[in-house]
PDB file of N, CA and C in Angstrom:
ATOM      1  N   MET A   1     -19.422 -15.526 -19.312  1.00  0.00           N
ATOM      2  CA  MET A   1     -20.326 -15.529 -18.171  1.00  0.00           C
ATOM      3  C   MET A   1     -21.770 -15.376 -18.672  1.00  0.00           C
ATOM      4  N   ALA A   2     -22.646 -16.182 -18.160  1.00  0.00           N
ATOM      5  CA  ALA A   2     -24.051 -16.139 -18.558  1.00  0.00           C
ATOM      6  C   ALA A   2     -24.726 -14.898 -17.982  1.00  0.00           C
ATOM      7  N   PRO A   3     -25.610 -14.296 -18.745  1.00  0.00           N
ATOM      8  CA  PRO A   3     -26.326 -13.124 -18.235  1.00  0.00           C
ATOM      9  C   PRO A   3     -27.289 -13.524 -17.120  1.00  0.00           C
ATOM     10  N   GLU A   4     -27.559 -12.585 -16.245  1.00  0.00           N
ATOM     11  CA  GLU A   4     -28.527 -12.820 -15.182  1.00  0.00           C
ATOM     12  C   GLU A   4     -29.939 -12.759 -15.758  1.00  0.00           C
ATOM     13  N   SER A   5     -30.864 -13.407 -15.055  1.00  0.00           N
ATOM     14  CA  SER A   5     -32.240 -13.462 -15.548  1.00  0.00           C
ATOM     15  C   SER A   5     -32.861 -12.075 -15.686  1.00  0.00           C
ATOM     16  N   THR A   6     -32.520 -11.166 -14.794  1.00  0.00           N
ATOM     17  CA  THR A   6     -33.080  -9.813 -14.924  1.00  0.00           C
ATOM     18  C   THR A   6     -32.559  -9.119 -16.172  1.00  0.00           C
ATOM     19  N   GLU A   7     -31.318  -9.434 -16.564  1.00  0.00           N
ATOM     20  CA  GLU A   7     -30.769  -8.846 -17.787  1.00  0.00           C
ATOM     21  C   GLU A   7     -31.506  -9.365 -19.020  1.00  0.00           C
ATOM     22  N   ILE A   8     -31.898 -10.625 -18.988  1.00  0.00           N
ATOM     23  CA  ILE A   8     -32.654 -11.203 -20.101  1.00  0.00           C
ATOM     24  C   ILE A   8     -33.992 -10.484 -20.244  1.00  0.00           C
ATOM     25  N   SER A   9     -34.698 -10.326 -19.143  1.00  0.00           N
ATOM     26  CA  SER A   9     -35.987  -9.622 -19.190  1.00  0.00           C
ATOM     27  C   SER A   9     -35.809  -8.189 -19.663  1.00  0.00           C
ATOM     28  N   ARG A  10     -34.794  -7.509 -19.161  1.00  0.00           N
ATOM     29  CA  ARG A  10     -34.563  -6.111 -19.581  1.00  0.00           C
ATOM     30  C   ARG A  10     -34.264  -6.027 -21.072  1.00  0.00           C
ATOM     31  N   ALA A  11     -33.473  -6.965 -21.584  1.00  0.00           N
ATOM     32  CA  ALA A  11     -33.150  -6.950 -23.014  1.00  0.00           C
ATOM     33  C   ALA A  11     -34.399  -7.196 -23.859  1.00  0.00           C
ATOM     34  N   ILE A  12     -35.243  -8.122 -23.421  1.00  0.00           N
ATOM     35  CA  ILE A  12     -36.498  -8.378 -24.146  1.00  0.00           C
ATOM     36  C   ILE A  12     -37.375  -7.136 -24.115  1.00  0.00           C
ATOM     37  N   GLU A  13     -37.528  -6.553 -22.944  1.00  0.00           N
ATOM     38  CA  GLU A  13     -38.382  -5.370 -22.805  1.00  0.00           C
ATOM     39  C   GLU A  13     -37.861  -4.203 -23.639  1.00  0.00           C
ATOM     40  N   ALA A  14     -36.559  -4.057 -23.722  1.00  0.00           N
ATOM     41  CA  ALA A  14     -35.974  -2.916 -24.422  1.00  0.00           C
ATOM     42  C   ALA A  14     -35.885  -3.100 -25.935  1.00  0.00           C
ATOM     43  N   HIS A  15     -35.706  -4.341 -26.382  1.00  0.00           N
ATOM     44  CA  HIS A  15     -35.345  -4.520 -27.792  1.00  0.00           C
ATOM     45  C   HIS A  15     -36.216  -5.476 -28.587  1.00  0.00           C
ATOM     46  N   TYR A  16     -36.934  -6.370 -27.937  1.00  0.00           N
ATOM     47  CA  TYR A  16     -37.664  -7.403 -28.674  1.00  0.00           C
ATOM     48  C   TYR A  16     -38.861  -6.773 -29.375  1.00  0.00           C
ATOM     49  N   ALA A  17     -38.924  -6.983 -30.673  1.00  0.00           N
ATOM     50  CA  ALA A  17     -39.989  -6.388 -31.483  1.00  0.00           C
ATOM     51  C   ALA A  17     -40.908  -7.490 -32.020  1.00  0.00           C
ATOM     52  N   LEU A  18     -41.778  -7.134 -32.923  1.00  0.00           N
ATOM     53  CA  LEU A  18     -42.744  -8.093 -33.453  1.00  0.00           C
ATOM     54  C   LEU A  18     -42.096  -9.152 -34.340  1.00  0.00           C
ATOM     55  N   TRP A  19     -40.923  -8.886 -34.878  1.00  0.00           N
ATOM     56  CA  TRP A  19     -40.182  -9.864 -35.662  1.00  0.00           C
ATOM     57  C   TRP A  19     -38.701  -9.566 -35.503  1.00  0.00           C
ATOM     58  N   TRP A  20     -37.881 -10.577 -35.785  1.00  0.00           N
ATOM     59  CA  TRP A  20     -36.441 -10.440 -35.640  1.00  0.00           C
ATOM     60  C   TRP A  20     -35.880  -9.533 -36.725  1.00  0.00           C
ATOM     61  N   THR A  21     -35.025  -8.612 -36.316  1.00  0.00           N
ATOM     62  CA  THR A  21     -34.285  -7.778 -37.252  1.00  0.00           C
ATOM     63  C   THR A  21     -32.815  -7.843 -36.873  1.00  0.00           C
ATOM     64  N   ASP A  22     -31.961  -7.478 -37.804  1.00  0.00           N
ATOM     65  CA  ASP A  22     -30.528  -7.445 -37.503  1.00  0.00           C
ATOM     66  C   ASP A  22     -30.232  -6.439 -36.387  1.00  0.00           C
ATOM     67  N   GLU A  23     -30.944  -5.316 -36.411  1.00  0.00           N
ATOM     68  CA  GLU A  23     -30.734  -4.286 -35.391  1.00  0.00           C
ATOM     69  C   GLU A  23     -31.132  -4.792 -34.009  1.00  0.00           C
ATOM     70  N   MET A  24     -32.248  -5.511 -33.955  1.00  0.00           N
ATOM     71  CA  MET A  24     -32.715  -6.050 -32.677  1.00  0.00           C
ATOM     72  C   MET A  24     -31.712  -7.062 -32.148  1.00  0.00           C
ATOM     73  N   LYS A  25     -31.254  -7.954 -32.999  1.00  0.00           N
ATOM     74  CA  LYS A  25     -30.271  -8.949 -32.570  1.00  0.00           C
ATOM     75  C   LYS A  25     -28.997  -8.280 -32.080  1.00  0.00           C
ATOM     76  N   ALA A  26     -28.540  -7.246 -32.792  1.00  0.00           N
ATOM     77  CA  ALA A  26     -27.321  -6.552 -32.395  1.00  0.00           C
ATOM     78  C   ALA A  26     -27.494  -5.878 -31.029  1.00  0.00           C
ATOM     79  N   ALA A  27     -28.641  -5.281 -30.794  1.00  0.00           N
ATOM     80  CA  ALA A  27     -28.892  -4.608 -29.512  1.00  0.00           C
ATOM     81  C   ALA A  27     -28.967  -5.621 -28.374  1.00  0.00           C
ATOM     82  N   ILE A  28     -29.640  -6.739 -28.608  1.00  0.00           N
ATOM     83  CA  ILE A  28     -29.725  -7.783 -27.582  1.00  0.00           C
ATOM     84  C   ILE A  28     -28.339  -8.353 -27.317  1.00  0.00           C
ATOM     85  N   LEU A  29     -27.583  -8.617 -28.363  1.00  0.00           N
ATOM     86  CA  LEU A  29     -26.231  -9.137 -28.227  1.00  0.00           C
ATOM     87  C   LEU A  29     -25.362  -8.185 -27.407  1.00  0.00           C
ATOM     88  N   ALA A  30     -25.486  -6.894 -27.655  1.00  0.00           N
ATOM     89  CA  ALA A  30     -24.713  -5.905 -26.900  1.00  0.00           C
ATOM     90  C   ALA A  30     -25.092  -5.906 -25.423  1.00  0.00           C
ATOM     91  N   ASP A  31     -26.364  -6.158 -25.131  1.00  0.00           N
ATOM     92  CA  ASP A  31     -26.837  -6.138 -23.740  1.00  0.00           C
ATOM     93  C   ASP A  31     -26.526  -7.419 -22.975  1.00  0.00           C
ATOM     94  N   VAL A  32     -26.690  -8.576 -23.622  1.00  0.00           N
ATOM     95  CA  VAL A  32     -26.602  -9.840 -22.878  1.00  0.00           C
ATOM     96  C   VAL A  32     -25.618 -10.847 -23.464  1.00  0.00           C
ATOM     97  N   GLY A  33     -24.914 -10.489 -24.512  1.00  0.00           N
ATOM     98  CA  GLY A  33     -23.913 -11.382 -25.073  1.00  0.00           C
ATOM     99  C   GLY A  33     -24.512 -12.543 -25.848  1.00  0.00           C
ATOM    100  N   PRO A  34     -23.636 -13.398 -26.389  1.00  0.00           N
ATOM    101  CA  PRO A  34     -24.111 -14.489 -27.237  1.00  0.00           C
ATOM    102  C   PRO A  34     -24.969 -15.512 -26.492  1.00  0.00           C
ATOM    103  N   GLU A  35     -24.649 -15.800 -25.239  1.00  0.00           N
ATOM    104  CA  GLU A  35     -25.460 -16.752 -24.472  1.00  0.00           C
ATOM    105  C   GLU A  35     -26.862 -16.200 -24.231  1.00  0.00           C
ATOM    106  N   GLY A  36     -26.947 -14.922 -23.915  1.00  0.00           N
ATOM    107  CA  GLY A  36     -28.250 -14.296 -23.687  1.00  0.00           C
ATOM    108  C   GLY A  36     -29.074 -14.240 -24.955  1.00  0.00           C
ATOM    109  N   LEU A  37     -28.423 -13.904 -26.067  1.00  0.00           N
ATOM    110  CA  LEU A  37     -29.124 -13.886 -27.352  1.00  0.00           C
ATOM    111  C   LEU A  37     -29.636 -15.279 -27.686  1.00  0.00           C
ATOM    112  N   ALA A  38     -28.826 -16.290 -27.477  1.00  0.00           N
ATOM    113  CA  ALA A  38     -29.248 -17.663 -27.751  1.00  0.00           C
ATOM    114  C   ALA A  38     -30.441 -18.050 -26.881  1.00  0.00           C
ATOM    115  N   LEU A  39     -30.432 -17.640 -25.626  1.00  0.00           N
ATOM    116  CA  LEU A  39     -31.554 -17.946 -24.733  1.00  0.00           C
ATOM    117  C   LEU A  39     -32.826 -17.238 -25.200  1.00  0.00           C
ATOM    118  N   ILE A  40     -32.708 -15.989 -25.593  1.00  0.00           N
ATOM    119  CA  ILE A  40     -33.884 -15.249 -26.066  1.00  0.00           C
ATOM    120  C   ILE A  40     -34.404 -15.856 -27.367  1.00  0.00           C
ATOM    121  N   GLU A  41     -33.515 -16.308 -28.235  1.00  0.00           N
ATOM    122  CA  GLU A  41     -33.953 -16.994 -29.449  1.00  0.00           C
ATOM    123  C   GLU A  41     -34.671 -18.302 -29.096  1.00  0.00           C
ATOM    124  N   GLU A  42     -34.182 -19.008 -28.090  1.00  0.00           N
ATOM    125  CA  GLU A  42     -34.838 -20.235 -27.620  1.00  0.00           C
ATOM    126  C   GLU A  42     -36.235 -19.927 -27.083  1.00  0.00           C
ATOM    127  N   ILE A  43     -36.344 -18.871 -26.286  1.00  0.00           N
ATOM    128  CA  ILE A  43     -37.635 -18.463 -25.727  1.00  0.00           C
ATOM    129  C   ILE A  43     -38.604 -18.098 -26.851  1.00  0.00           C
ATOM    130  N   SER A  44     -38.115 -17.368 -27.828  1.00  0.00           N
ATOM    131  CA  SER A  44     -38.940 -16.977 -28.968  1.00  0.00           C
ATOM    132  C   SER A  44     -39.417 -18.198 -29.745  1.00  0.00           C
ATOM    133  N   SER A  45     -38.526 -19.120 -29.985  1.00  0.00           N
ATOM    134  CA  SER A  45     -38.880 -20.344 -30.700  1.00  0.00           C
ATOM    135  C   SER A  45     -39.934 -21.138 -29.935  1.00  0.00           C
ATOM    136  N   PHE A  46     -39.770 -21.229 -28.631  1.00  0.00           N
ATOM    137  CA  PHE A  46     -40.734 -21.918 -27.785  1.00  0.00           C
ATOM    138  C   PHE A  46     -42.115 -21.269 -27.905  1.00  0.00           C
ATOM    139  N   ALA A  47     -42.159 -19.939 -27.869  1.00  0.00           N
ATOM    140  CA  ALA A  47     -43.431 -19.202 -27.943  1.00  0.00           C
ATOM    141  C   ALA A  47     -44.094 -19.333 -29.306  1.00  0.00           C
ATOM    142  N   ASN A  48     -43.305 -19.614 -30.329  1.00  0.00           N
ATOM    143  CA  ASN A  48     -43.825 -19.728 -31.692  1.00  0.00           C
ATOM    144  C   ASN A  48     -44.074 -21.165 -32.124  1.00  0.00           C
ATOM    145  N   ASP A  49     -44.092 -22.082 -31.191  1.00  0.00           N
ATOM    146  CA  ASP A  49     -44.324 -23.490 -31.508  1.00  0.00           C
ATOM    147  C   ASP A  49     -45.671 -23.636 -32.223  1.00  0.00           C
ATOM    148  N   PRO A  50     -45.683 -24.156 -33.452  1.00  0.00           N
ATOM    149  CA  PRO A  50     -46.938 -24.274 -34.200  1.00  0.00           C
ATOM    150  C   PRO A  50     -48.014 -25.081 -33.475  1.00  0.00           C
ATOM    151  N   ASP A  51     -47.602 -26.065 -32.688  1.00  0.00           N
ATOM    152  CA  ASP A  51     -48.598 -26.878 -31.984  1.00  0.00           C
ATOM    153  C   ASP A  51     -49.445 -26.055 -31.016  1.00  0.00           C
ATOM    154  N   ILE A  52     -48.923 -24.951 -30.560  1.00  0.00           N
ATOM    155  CA  ILE A  52     -49.687 -24.072 -29.665  1.00  0.00           C
ATOM    156  C   ILE A  52     -50.691 -23.247 -30.459  1.00  0.00           C
ATOM    157  N   TRP A  53     -50.298 -22.826 -31.640  1.00  0.00           N
ATOM    158  CA  TRP A  53     -51.044 -21.808 -32.377  1.00  0.00           C
ATOM    159  C   TRP A  53     -52.067 -22.339 -33.376  1.00  0.00           C
ATOM    160  N   ILE A  54     -51.882 -23.521 -33.902  1.00  0.00           N
ATOM    161  CA  ILE A  54     -52.756 -23.933 -35.007  1.00  0.00           C
ATOM    162  C   ILE A  54     -54.075 -24.552 -34.564  1.00  0.00           C
ATOM    163  N   TYR A  55     -54.212 -24.904 -33.310  1.00  0.00           N
ATOM    164  CA  TYR A  55     -55.423 -25.608 -32.881  1.00  0.00           C
ATOM    165  C   TYR A  55     -56.441 -24.727 -32.162  1.00  0.00           C
ATOM    166  N   GLY A  56     -56.027 -23.610 -31.627  1.00  0.00           N
ATOM    167  CA  GLY A  56     -56.953 -22.770 -30.875  1.00  0.00           C
ATOM    168  C   GLY A  56     -57.119 -21.405 -31.499  1.00  0.00           C
ATOM    169  N   SER A  57     -57.956 -20.610 -30.885  1.00  0.00           N
ATOM    170  CA  SER A  57     -58.109 -19.220 -31.331  1.00  0.00           C
ATOM    171  C   SER A  57     -56.834 -18.456 -30.991  1.00  0.00           C
ATOM    172  N   THR A  58     -56.655 -17.342 -31.652  1.00  0.00           N
ATOM    173  CA  THR A  58     -55.475 -16.523 -31.381  1.00  0.00           C
ATOM    174  C   THR A  58     -55.459 -16.088 -29.919  1.00  0.00           C
ATOM    175  N   GLN A  59     -56.592 -15.680 -29.391  1.00  0.00           N
ATOM    176  CA  GLN A  59     -56.658 -15.228 -27.996  1.00  0.00           C
ATOM    177  C   GLN A  59     -56.307 -16.363 -27.033  1.00  0.00           C
ATOM    178  N   GLN A  60     -56.879 -17.541 -27.263  1.00  0.00           N
ATOM    179  CA  GLN A  60     -56.597 -18.664 -26.373  1.00  0.00           C
ATOM    180  C   GLN A  60     -55.131 -19.076 -26.467  1.00  0.00           C
ATOM    181  N   SER A  61     -54.606 -19.106 -27.667  1.00  0.00           N
ATOM    182  CA  SER A  61     -53.200 -19.475 -27.857  1.00  0.00           C
ATOM    183  C   SER A  61     -52.274 -18.447 -27.197  1.00  0.00           C
ATOM    184  N   TYR A  62     -52.636 -17.175 -27.312  1.00  0.00           N
ATOM    185  CA  TYR A  62     -51.870 -16.098 -26.661  1.00  0.00           C
ATOM    186  C   TYR A  62     -51.820 -16.325 -25.150  1.00  0.00           C
ATOM    187  N   GLU A  63     -52.958 -16.635 -24.571  1.00  0.00           N
ATOM    188  CA  GLU A  63     -53.012 -16.888 -23.131  1.00  0.00           C
ATOM    189  C   GLU A  63     -52.239 -18.154 -22.771  1.00  0.00           C
ATOM    190  N   ASP A  64     -52.338 -19.180 -23.610  1.00  0.00           N
ATOM    191  CA  ASP A  64     -51.603 -20.421 -23.365  1.00  0.00           C
ATOM    192  C   ASP A  64     -50.094 -20.170 -23.408  1.00  0.00           C
ATOM    193  N   VAL A  65     -49.651 -19.400 -24.397  1.00  0.00           N
ATOM    194  CA  VAL A  65     -48.223 -19.105 -24.520  1.00  0.00           C
ATOM    195  C   VAL A  65     -47.724 -18.369 -23.283  1.00  0.00           C
ATOM    196  N   GLN A  66     -48.495 -17.397 -22.814  1.00  0.00           N
ATOM    197  CA  GLN A  66     -48.080 -16.680 -21.606  1.00  0.00           C
ATOM    198  C   GLN A  66     -47.930 -17.644 -20.430  1.00  0.00           C
ATOM    199  N   ALA A  67     -48.889 -18.528 -20.253  1.00  0.00           N
ATOM    200  CA  ALA A  67     -48.828 -19.491 -19.145  1.00  0.00           C
ATOM    201  C   ALA A  67     -47.635 -20.424 -19.302  1.00  0.00           C
ATOM    202  N   LEU A  68     -47.412 -20.904 -20.512  1.00  0.00           N
ATOM    203  CA  LEU A  68     -46.285 -21.805 -20.748  1.00  0.00           C
ATOM    204  C   LEU A  68     -44.944 -21.117 -20.541  1.00  0.00           C
ATOM    205  N   LEU A  69     -44.841 -19.871 -20.980  1.00  0.00           N
ATOM    206  CA  LEU A  69     -43.605 -19.115 -20.759  1.00  0.00           C
ATOM    207  C   LEU A  69     -43.338 -18.934 -19.265  1.00  0.00           C
ATOM    208  N   ARG A  70     -44.383 -18.632 -18.520  1.00  0.00           N
ATOM    209  CA  ARG A  70     -44.215 -18.432 -17.072  1.00  0.00           C
ATOM    210  C   ARG A  70     -43.793 -19.738 -16.380  1.00  0.00           C
ATOM    211  N   GLN A  71     -44.253 -20.866 -16.894  1.00  0.00           N
ATOM    212  CA  GLN A  71     -43.866 -22.148 -16.319  1.00  0.00           C
ATOM    213  C   GLN A  71     -42.421 -22.497 -16.660  1.00  0.00           C
ATOM    214  N   LYS A  72     -42.085 -22.424 -17.927  1.00  0.00           N
ATOM    215  CA  LYS A  72     -40.768 -22.876 -18.390  1.00  0.00           C
ATOM    216  C   LYS A  72     -39.668 -21.868 -18.089  1.00  0.00           C
ATOM    217  N   TYR A  73     -39.971 -20.595 -18.191  1.00  0.00           N
ATOM    218  CA  TYR A  73     -38.978 -19.534 -17.987  1.00  0.00           C
ATOM    219  C   TYR A  73     -39.475 -18.631 -16.866  1.00  0.00           C
ATOM    220  N   ASP A  74     -39.538 -19.179 -15.677  1.00  0.00           N
ATOM    221  CA  ASP A  74     -40.171 -18.477 -14.556  1.00  0.00           C
ATOM    222  C   ASP A  74     -39.422 -17.228 -14.104  1.00  0.00           C
ATOM    223  N   PHE A  75     -38.259 -17.001 -14.638  1.00  0.00           N
ATOM    224  CA  PHE A  75     -37.481 -15.808 -14.297  1.00  0.00           C
ATOM    225  C   PHE A  75     -37.887 -14.589 -15.125  1.00  0.00           C
ATOM    226  N   LEU A  76     -38.690 -14.788 -16.176  1.00  0.00           N
ATOM    227  CA  LEU A  76     -39.070 -13.667 -17.029  1.00  0.00           C
ATOM    228  C   LEU A  76     -40.049 -12.732 -16.327  1.00  0.00           C
ATOM    229  N   SER A  77     -39.880 -11.451 -16.557  1.00  0.00           N
ATOM    230  CA  SER A  77     -40.812 -10.459 -16.023  1.00  0.00           C
ATOM    231  C   SER A  77     -42.133 -10.544 -16.770  1.00  0.00           C
ATOM    232  N   ASP A  78     -43.178 -10.009 -16.168  1.00  0.00           N
ATOM    233  CA  ASP A  78     -44.492  -9.982 -16.828  1.00  0.00           C
ATOM    234  C   ASP A  78     -44.418  -9.231 -18.152  1.00  0.00           C
ATOM    235  N   ALA A  79     -43.682  -8.136 -18.169  1.00  0.00           N
ATOM    236  CA  ALA A  79     -43.576  -7.345 -19.397  1.00  0.00           C
ATOM    237  C   ALA A  79     -42.864  -8.113 -20.505  1.00  0.00           C
ATOM    238  N   SER A  80     -41.831  -8.873 -20.162  1.00  0.00           N
ATOM    239  CA  SER A  80     -41.126  -9.624 -21.198  1.00  0.00           C
ATOM    240  C   SER A  80     -41.977 -10.797 -21.697  1.00  0.00           C
ATOM    241  N   VAL A  81     -42.725 -11.447 -20.808  1.00  0.00           N
ATOM    242  CA  VAL A  81     -43.635 -12.511 -21.226  1.00  0.00           C
ATOM    243  C   VAL A  81     -44.676 -11.941 -22.185  1.00  0.00           C
ATOM    244  N   SER A  82     -45.227 -10.813 -21.850  1.00  0.00           N
ATOM    245  CA  SER A  82     -46.229 -10.174 -22.695  1.00  0.00           C
ATOM    246  C   SER A  82     -45.651  -9.809 -24.059  1.00  0.00           C
ATOM    247  N   ARG A  83     -44.442  -9.297 -24.079  1.00  0.00           N
ATOM    248  CA  ARG A  83     -43.818  -8.886 -25.336  1.00  0.00           C
ATOM    249  C   ARG A  83     -43.556 -10.102 -26.230  1.00  0.00           C
ATOM    250  N   ILE A  84     -43.029 -11.171 -25.655  1.00  0.00           N
ATOM    251  CA  ILE A  84     -42.755 -12.385 -26.435  1.00  0.00           C
ATOM    252  C   ILE A  84     -44.067 -12.984 -26.959  1.00  0.00           C
ATOM    253  N   ALA A  85     -45.068 -13.083 -26.097  1.00  0.00           N
ATOM    254  CA  ALA A  85     -46.359 -13.661 -26.502  1.00  0.00           C
ATOM    255  C   ALA A  85     -47.039 -12.793 -27.558  1.00  0.00           C
ATOM    256  N   SER A  86     -46.950 -11.487 -27.419  1.00  0.00           N
ATOM    257  CA  SER A  86     -47.560 -10.583 -28.404  1.00  0.00           C
ATOM    258  C   SER A  86     -46.903 -10.735 -29.771  1.00  0.00           C
ATOM    259  N   ALA A  87     -45.581 -10.848 -29.789  1.00  0.00           N
ATOM    260  CA  ALA A  87     -44.876 -11.032 -31.050  1.00  0.00           C
ATOM    261  C   ALA A  87     -45.261 -12.357 -31.691  1.00  0.00           C
ATOM    262  N   ALA A  88     -45.384 -13.397 -30.877  1.00  0.00           N
ATOM    263  CA  ALA A  88     -45.783 -14.696 -31.415  1.00  0.00           C
ATOM    264  C   ALA A  88     -47.199 -14.621 -31.981  1.00  0.00           C
ATOM    265  N   ALA A  89     -48.102 -13.981 -31.266  1.00  0.00           N
ATOM    266  CA  ALA A  89     -49.488 -13.843 -31.735  1.00  0.00           C
ATOM    267  C   ALA A  89     -49.524 -13.056 -33.046  1.00  0.00           C
ATOM    268  N   TYR A  90     -48.746 -12.008 -33.123  1.00  0.00           N
ATOM    269  CA  TYR A  90     -48.692 -11.204 -34.339  1.00  0.00           C
ATOM    270  C   TYR A  90     -48.223 -12.053 -35.522  1.00  0.00           C
ATOM    271  N   GLY A  91     -47.250 -12.883 -35.267  1.00  0.00           N
ATOM    272  CA  GLY A  91     -46.712 -13.739 -36.323  1.00  0.00           C
ATOM    273  C   GLY A  91     -47.685 -14.800 -36.787  1.00  0.00           C
ATOM    274  N   TRP A  92     -48.616 -15.186 -35.915  1.00  0.00           N
ATOM    275  CA  TRP A  92     -49.561 -16.242 -36.265  1.00  0.00           C
ATOM    276  C   TRP A  92     -50.895 -15.712 -36.760  1.00  0.00           C
ATOM    277  N   LYS A  93     -51.089 -14.425 -36.709  1.00  0.00           N
ATOM    278  CA  LYS A  93     -52.355 -13.861 -37.210  1.00  0.00           C
ATOM    279  C   LYS A  93     -52.449 -13.947 -38.695  1.00  0.00           C
TER     280      LYS A  93
END
């Protein structure tokens, strides 16, 4: 059974850090199962798309990523969007 959208946001808010770790993956997997983990990995990959980050300033790209996440994954909470975008920005600094 696929996790509900609120469960995805809660898992991101509770466990998503600045970079992927085995512990983070295990905690997300425990909360939302393999389908939820795969979706969060997809969201992370989307937020880290080089085409977003290499052409603009870090601040502008951060804002663009937040807007794009809200469009594509409109079920995400504001806190989870912020956490994903912050991790992506950290990775591109």
